[in-house]
Amino acid sequence: MRILLKTALAVALALSPGFAQAQNLQQSPIVPQAAPNLKYPKIVLYSTSWCPHCKAAKEYFTRNNIPFINRDVELDSDAMDLVTGKYKSQGVPIVVLGNDAVVLKGFDEKRFENAVEKLKKK
Protein backbone atom coordinates (compact mmCIF):
# COMPACT_ATOMS: atom_id res chain seq x y z
CA MET A 1 0.00 0.00 0.00
CA ARG A 2 2.82 2.43 0.88
CA ILE A 3 4.62 1.68 -2.36
CA LEU A 4 1.44 2.47 -4.29
CA LEU A 5 1.04 5.80 -2.46
CA LYS A 6 4.67 6.76 -3.05
CA THR A 7 4.38 5.89 -6.73
CA ALA A 8 1.16 7.88 -7.12
CA LEU A 9 2.73 10.88 -5.40
CA ALA A 10 5.83 10.71 -7.60
CA VAL A 11 3.69 10.53 -10.77
CA ALA A 12 1.50 13.44 -9.63
CA LEU A 13 4.56 15.59 -8.93
CA ALA A 14 6.20 14.70 -12.23
CA LEU A 15 3.05 15.63 -14.16
CA SER A 16 2.49 18.93 -12.39
CA PRO A 17 3.44 22.08 -14.34
CA GLY A 18 5.51 23.46 -11.45
CA PHE A 19 7.75 20.42 -11.48
CA ALA A 20 8.49 20.77 -15.20
CA GLN A 21 9.29 24.46 -14.78
CA ALA A 22 11.52 23.81 -11.79
CA GLN A 23 13.58 21.32 -13.78
CA ASN A 24 14.25 23.92 -16.48
CA LEU A 25 15.54 26.57 -14.08
CA GLN A 26 19.26 27.00 -13.87
CA GLN A 27 20.96 27.03 -10.53
CA SER A 28 22.34 30.37 -9.46
CA PRO A 29 26.09 30.44 -8.94
CA ILE A 30 27.33 30.22 -5.40
CA VAL A 31 29.69 33.01 -4.52
CA PRO A 32 31.35 32.49 -1.17
CA GLN A 33 31.19 35.51 1.06
CA ALA A 34 34.52 37.08 1.75
CA ALA A 35 35.72 36.00 5.14
CA PRO A 36 36.47 38.90 7.42
CA ASN A 37 40.14 39.79 7.38
CA LEU A 38 40.34 39.77 11.15
CA LYS A 39 42.88 37.75 13.02
CA TYR A 40 42.06 36.58 16.50
CA PRO A 41 44.27 34.87 19.03
CA LYS A 42 43.29 31.44 20.23
CA ILE A 43 40.13 31.88 22.31
CA VAL A 44 38.99 29.32 24.85
CA LEU A 45 35.67 29.83 26.62
CA TYR A 46 35.09 27.89 29.83
CA SER A 47 31.34 27.74 30.31
CA THR A 48 28.23 25.84 31.35
CA SER A 49 25.08 25.26 29.33
CA TRP A 50 22.78 27.10 31.75
CA CYS A 51 24.85 30.24 32.44
CA PRO A 52 23.33 33.37 30.84
CA HIS A 53 26.72 35.14 30.66
CA CYS A 54 28.25 32.10 28.95
CA LYS A 55 25.36 32.11 26.48
CA ALA A 56 25.95 35.81 25.78
CA ALA A 57 29.65 35.14 25.09
CA LYS A 58 28.87 32.22 22.75
CA GLU A 59 26.27 34.27 20.89
CA TYR A 60 28.66 37.23 20.57
CA PHE A 61 31.47 35.06 19.20
CA THR A 62 29.13 33.28 16.79
CA ARG A 63 27.39 36.45 15.62
CA ASN A 64 30.75 38.11 14.91
CA ASN A 65 32.37 35.03 13.30
CA ILE A 66 34.99 34.85 16.02
CA PRO A 67 36.48 31.35 16.25
CA PHE A 68 36.53 29.94 19.76
CA ILE A 69 36.82 26.68 21.64
CA ASN A 70 34.02 26.03 24.11
CA ARG A 71 34.83 23.86 27.12
CA ASP A 72 31.82 23.03 29.27
CA VAL A 73 33.13 22.60 32.81
CA GLU A 74 30.21 20.34 33.76
CA LEU A 75 31.03 17.88 30.99
CA ASP A 76 34.83 18.21 30.93
CA SER A 77 36.53 17.51 34.27
CA ASP A 78 39.89 18.72 32.93
CA ALA A 79 38.27 22.06 32.08
CA MET A 80 36.81 22.26 35.59
CA ASP A 81 40.27 21.56 37.06
CA LEU A 82 41.77 24.39 34.98
CA VAL A 83 39.06 26.86 36.02
CA THR A 84 39.30 26.10 39.72
CA GLY A 85 43.05 25.43 39.84
CA LYS A 86 45.02 27.33 37.25
CA TYR A 87 42.60 30.24 36.81
CA LYS A 88 41.55 30.33 40.49
CA SER A 89 37.87 30.85 39.76
CA GLN A 90 34.68 29.43 41.15
CA GLY A 91 32.51 30.86 38.37
CA VAL A 92 32.10 30.97 34.63
CA PRO A 93 32.50 32.24 32.01
CA ILE A 94 36.26 32.40 31.80
CA VAL A 95 37.65 33.63 28.46
CA VAL A 96 41.30 32.82 27.82
CA LEU A 97 43.05 34.62 24.97
CA GLY A 98 46.24 33.34 23.37
CA ASN A 99 48.30 30.96 25.41
CA ASP A 100 47.10 32.40 28.71
CA ALA A 101 48.17 35.90 27.61
CA VAL A 102 44.88 37.33 28.92
CA VAL A 103 42.35 35.69 31.22
CA LEU A 104 38.97 37.41 31.47
CA LYS A 105 36.65 36.38 34.28
CA GLY A 106 33.09 37.06 33.25
CA PHE A 107 32.13 38.37 29.83
CA ASP A 108 31.75 41.91 28.64
CA GLU A 109 31.95 42.72 24.92
CA LYS A 110 33.94 45.92 25.43
CA ARG A 111 36.45 44.31 27.81
CA PHE A 112 36.89 41.44 25.34
CA GLU A 113 37.43 43.81 22.38
CA ASN A 114 39.94 45.88 24.37
CA ALA A 115 41.87 42.77 25.39
CA VAL A 116 42.02 41.55 21.78
CA GLU A 117 43.27 44.97 20.60
CA LYS A 118 46.01 45.00 23.25
CA LEU A 119 47.13 41.52 22.17
CA LYS A 120 47.21 42.57 18.51
CA LYS A 121 49.57 45.45 19.37
CA LYS A 122 52.08 43.16 21.10
C-alpha atoms as a PDB file:
ATOM      1  CA  MET A   1       0.000   0.000   0.000  1.00  0.00           C
ATOM      2  CA  ARG A   2       2.819   2.427   0.877  1.00  0.00           C
ATOM      3  CA  ILE A   3       4.624   1.679  -2.364  1.00  0.00           C
ATOM      4  CA  LEU A   4       1.438   2.467  -4.294  1.00  0.00           C
ATOM      5  CA  LEU A   5       1.043   5.801  -2.460  1.00  0.00           C
ATOM      6  CA  LYS A   6       4.674   6.756  -3.048  1.00  0.00           C
ATOM      7  CA  THR A   7       4.385   5.888  -6.730  1.00  0.00           C
ATOM      8  CA  ALA A   8       1.164   7.877  -7.117  1.00  0.00           C
ATOM      9  CA  LEU A   9       2.729  10.880  -5.403  1.00  0.00           C
ATOM     10  CA  ALA A  10       5.829  10.712  -7.604  1.00  0.00           C
ATOM     11  CA  VAL A  11       3.690  10.532 -10.768  1.00  0.00           C
ATOM     12  CA  ALA A  12       1.505  13.440  -9.625  1.00  0.00           C
ATOM     13  CA  LEU A  13       4.564  15.590  -8.929  1.00  0.00           C
ATOM     14  CA  ALA A  14       6.195  14.702 -12.231  1.00  0.00           C
ATOM     15  CA  LEU A  15       3.049  15.631 -14.164  1.00  0.00           C
ATOM     16  CA  SER A  16       2.493  18.930 -12.386  1.00  0.00           C
ATOM     17  CA  PRO A  17       3.444  22.079 -14.345  1.00  0.00           C
ATOM     18  CA  GLY A  18       5.515  23.459 -11.452  1.00  0.00           C
ATOM     19  CA  PHE A  19       7.754  20.417 -11.481  1.00  0.00           C
ATOM     20  CA  ALA A  20       8.493  20.766 -15.196  1.00  0.00           C
ATOM     21  CA  GLN A  21       9.290  24.461 -14.784  1.00  0.00           C
ATOM     22  CA  ALA A  22      11.519  23.808 -11.793  1.00  0.00           C
ATOM     23  CA  GLN A  23      13.581  21.322 -13.777  1.00  0.00           C
ATOM     24  CA  ASN A  24      14.252  23.917 -16.483  1.00  0.00           C
ATOM     25  CA  LEU A  25      15.537  26.566 -14.077  1.00  0.00           C
ATOM     26  CA  GLN A  26      19.264  26.998 -13.869  1.00  0.00           C
ATOM     27  CA  GLN A  27      20.960  27.028 -10.531  1.00  0.00           C
ATOM     28  CA  SER A  28      22.337  30.374  -9.462  1.00  0.00           C
ATOM     29  CA  PRO A  29      26.091  30.438  -8.945  1.00  0.00           C
ATOM     30  CA  ILE A  30      27.328  30.218  -5.401  1.00  0.00           C
ATOM     31  CA  VAL A  31      29.688  33.014  -4.523  1.00  0.00           C
ATOM     32  CA  PRO A  32      31.347  32.487  -1.165  1.00  0.00           C
ATOM     33  CA  GLN A  33      31.195  35.513   1.060  1.00  0.00           C
ATOM     34  CA  ALA A  34      34.524  37.084   1.748  1.00  0.00           C
ATOM     35  CA  ALA A  35      35.725  36.002   5.137  1.00  0.00           C
ATOM     36  CA  PRO A  36      36.471  38.903   7.423  1.00  0.00           C
ATOM     37  CA  ASN A  37      40.135  39.795   7.379  1.00  0.00           C
ATOM     38  CA  LEU A  38      40.344  39.774  11.151  1.00  0.00           C
ATOM     39  CA  LYS A  39      42.881  37.749  13.022  1.00  0.00           C
ATOM     40  CA  TYR A  40      42.056  36.577  16.504  1.00  0.00           C
ATOM     41  CA  PRO A  41      44.267  34.875  19.031  1.00  0.00           C
ATOM     42  CA  LYS A  42      43.286  31.443  20.228  1.00  0.00           C
ATOM     43  CA  ILE A  43      40.133  31.883  22.311  1.00  0.00           C
ATOM     44  CA  VAL A  44      38.985  29.318  24.851  1.00  0.00           C
ATOM     45  CA  LEU A  45      35.666  29.833  26.620  1.00  0.00           C
ATOM     46  CA  TYR A  46      35.090  27.895  29.825  1.00  0.00           C
ATOM     47  CA  SER A  47      31.342  27.743  30.313  1.00  0.00           C
ATOM     48  CA  THR A  48      28.231  25.844  31.349  1.00  0.00           C
ATOM     49  CA  SER A  49      25.077  25.257  29.334  1.00  0.00           C
ATOM     50  CA  TRP A  50      22.783  27.100  31.751  1.00  0.00           C
ATOM     51  CA  CYS A  51      24.855  30.240  32.438  1.00  0.00           C
ATOM     52  CA  PRO A  52      23.332  33.372  30.841  1.00  0.00           C
ATOM     53  CA  HIS A  53      26.724  35.139  30.659  1.00  0.00           C
ATOM     54  CA  CYS A  54      28.252  32.097  28.946  1.00  0.00           C
ATOM     55  CA  LYS A  55      25.364  32.108  26.481  1.00  0.00           C
ATOM     56  CA  ALA A  56      25.947  35.807  25.782  1.00  0.00           C
ATOM     57  CA  ALA A  57      29.646  35.135  25.093  1.00  0.00           C
ATOM     58  CA  LYS A  58      28.865  32.220  22.749  1.00  0.00           C
ATOM     59  CA  GLU A  59      26.266  34.275  20.893  1.00  0.00           C
ATOM     60  CA  TYR A  60      28.659  37.230  20.574  1.00  0.00           C
ATOM     61  CA  PHE A  61      31.469  35.057  19.203  1.00  0.00           C
ATOM     62  CA  THR A  62      29.132  33.277  16.794  1.00  0.00           C
ATOM     63  CA  ARG A  63      27.388  36.452  15.618  1.00  0.00           C
ATOM     64  CA  ASN A  64      30.752  38.105  14.913  1.00  0.00           C
ATOM     65  CA  ASN A  65      32.365  35.026  13.297  1.00  0.00           C
ATOM     66  CA  ILE A  66      34.990  34.847  16.017  1.00  0.00           C
ATOM     67  CA  PRO A  67      36.482  31.354  16.252  1.00  0.00           C
ATOM     68  CA  PHE A  68      36.527  29.940  19.760  1.00  0.00           C
ATOM     69  CA  ILE A  69      36.818  26.683  21.644  1.00  0.00           C
ATOM     70  CA  ASN A  70      34.016  26.029  24.114  1.00  0.00           C
ATOM     71  CA  ARG A  71      34.834  23.861  27.121  1.00  0.00           C
ATOM     72  CA  ASP A  72      31.824  23.027  29.272  1.00  0.00           C
ATOM     73  CA  VAL A  73      33.125  22.598  32.811  1.00  0.00           C
ATOM     74  CA  GLU A  74      30.213  20.344  33.762  1.00  0.00           C
ATOM     75  CA  LEU A  75      31.028  17.876  30.991  1.00  0.00           C
ATOM     76  CA  ASP A  76      34.826  18.214  30.934  1.00  0.00           C
ATOM     77  CA  SER A  77      36.528  17.510  34.270  1.00  0.00           C
ATOM     78  CA  ASP A  78      39.890  18.723  32.929  1.00  0.00           C
ATOM     79  CA  ALA A  79      38.266  22.065  32.082  1.00  0.00           C
ATOM     80  CA  MET A  80      36.813  22.261  35.593  1.00  0.00           C
ATOM     81  CA  ASP A  81      40.267  21.557  37.058  1.00  0.00           C
ATOM     82  CA  LEU A  82      41.772  24.391  34.979  1.00  0.00           C
ATOM     83  CA  VAL A  83      39.063  26.858  36.017  1.00  0.00           C
ATOM     84  CA  THR A  84      39.298  26.097  39.720  1.00  0.00           C
ATOM     85  CA  GLY A  85      43.053  25.432  39.845  1.00  0.00           C
ATOM     86  CA  LYS A  86      45.023  27.335  37.252  1.00  0.00           C
ATOM     87  CA  TYR A  87      42.595  30.239  36.814  1.00  0.00           C
ATOM     88  CA  LYS A  88      41.547  30.329  40.492  1.00  0.00           C
ATOM     89  CA  SER A  89      37.867  30.853  39.758  1.00  0.00           C
ATOM     90  CA  GLN A  90      34.676  29.434  41.152  1.00  0.00           C
ATOM     91  CA  GLY A  91      32.506  30.855  38.368  1.00  0.00           C
ATOM     92  CA  VAL A  92      32.097  30.967  34.629  1.00  0.00           C
ATOM     93  CA  PRO A  93      32.502  32.244  32.006  1.00  0.00           C
ATOM     94  CA  ILE A  94      36.257  32.404  31.797  1.00  0.00           C
ATOM     95  CA  VAL A  95      37.649  33.631  28.465  1.00  0.00           C
ATOM     96  CA  VAL A  96      41.299  32.816  27.823  1.00  0.00           C
ATOM     97  CA  LEU A  97      43.052  34.622  24.970  1.00  0.00           C
ATOM     98  CA  GLY A  98      46.242  33.341  23.368  1.00  0.00           C
ATOM     99  CA  ASN A  99      48.305  30.958  25.412  1.00  0.00           C
ATOM    100  CA  ASP A 100      47.101  32.401  28.714  1.00  0.00           C
ATOM    101  CA  ALA A 101      48.170  35.901  27.611  1.00  0.00           C
ATOM    102  CA  VAL A 102      44.881  37.326  28.923  1.00  0.00           C
ATOM    103  CA  VAL A 103      42.346  35.694  31.221  1.00  0.00           C
ATOM    104  CA  LEU A 104      38.967  37.413  31.472  1.00  0.00           C
ATOM    105  CA  LYS A 105      36.655  36.384  34.284  1.00  0.00           C
ATOM    106  CA  GLY A 106      33.088  37.056  33.246  1.00  0.00           C
ATOM    107  CA  PHE A 107      32.134  38.367  29.829  1.00  0.00           C
ATOM    108  CA  ASP A 108      31.751  41.907  28.642  1.00  0.00           C
ATOM    109  CA  GLU A 109      31.952  42.725  24.923  1.00  0.00           C
ATOM    110  CA  LYS A 110      33.944  45.923  25.433  1.00  0.00           C
ATOM    111  CA  ARG A 111      36.449  44.307  27.806  1.00  0.00           C
ATOM    112  CA  PHE A 112      36.888  41.444  25.342  1.00  0.00           C
ATOM    113  CA  GLU A 113      37.431  43.807  22.384  1.00  0.00           C
ATOM    114  CA  ASN A 114      39.944  45.885  24.366  1.00  0.00           C
ATOM    115  CA  ALA A 115      41.866  42.768  25.389  1.00  0.00           C
ATOM    116  CA  VAL A 116      42.024  41.553  21.776  1.00  0.00           C
ATOM    117  CA  GLU A 117      43.270  44.966  20.602  1.00  0.00           C
ATOM    118  CA  LYS A 118      46.008  45.001  23.251  1.00  0.00           C
ATOM    119  CA  LEU A 119      47.131  41.522  22.170  1.00  0.00           C
ATOM    120  CA  LYS A 120      47.206  42.573  18.512  1.00  0.00           C
ATOM    121  CA  LYS A 121      49.567  45.446  19.366  1.00  0.00           C
ATOM    122  CA  LYS A 122      52.079  43.162  21.097  1.00  0.00           C
END
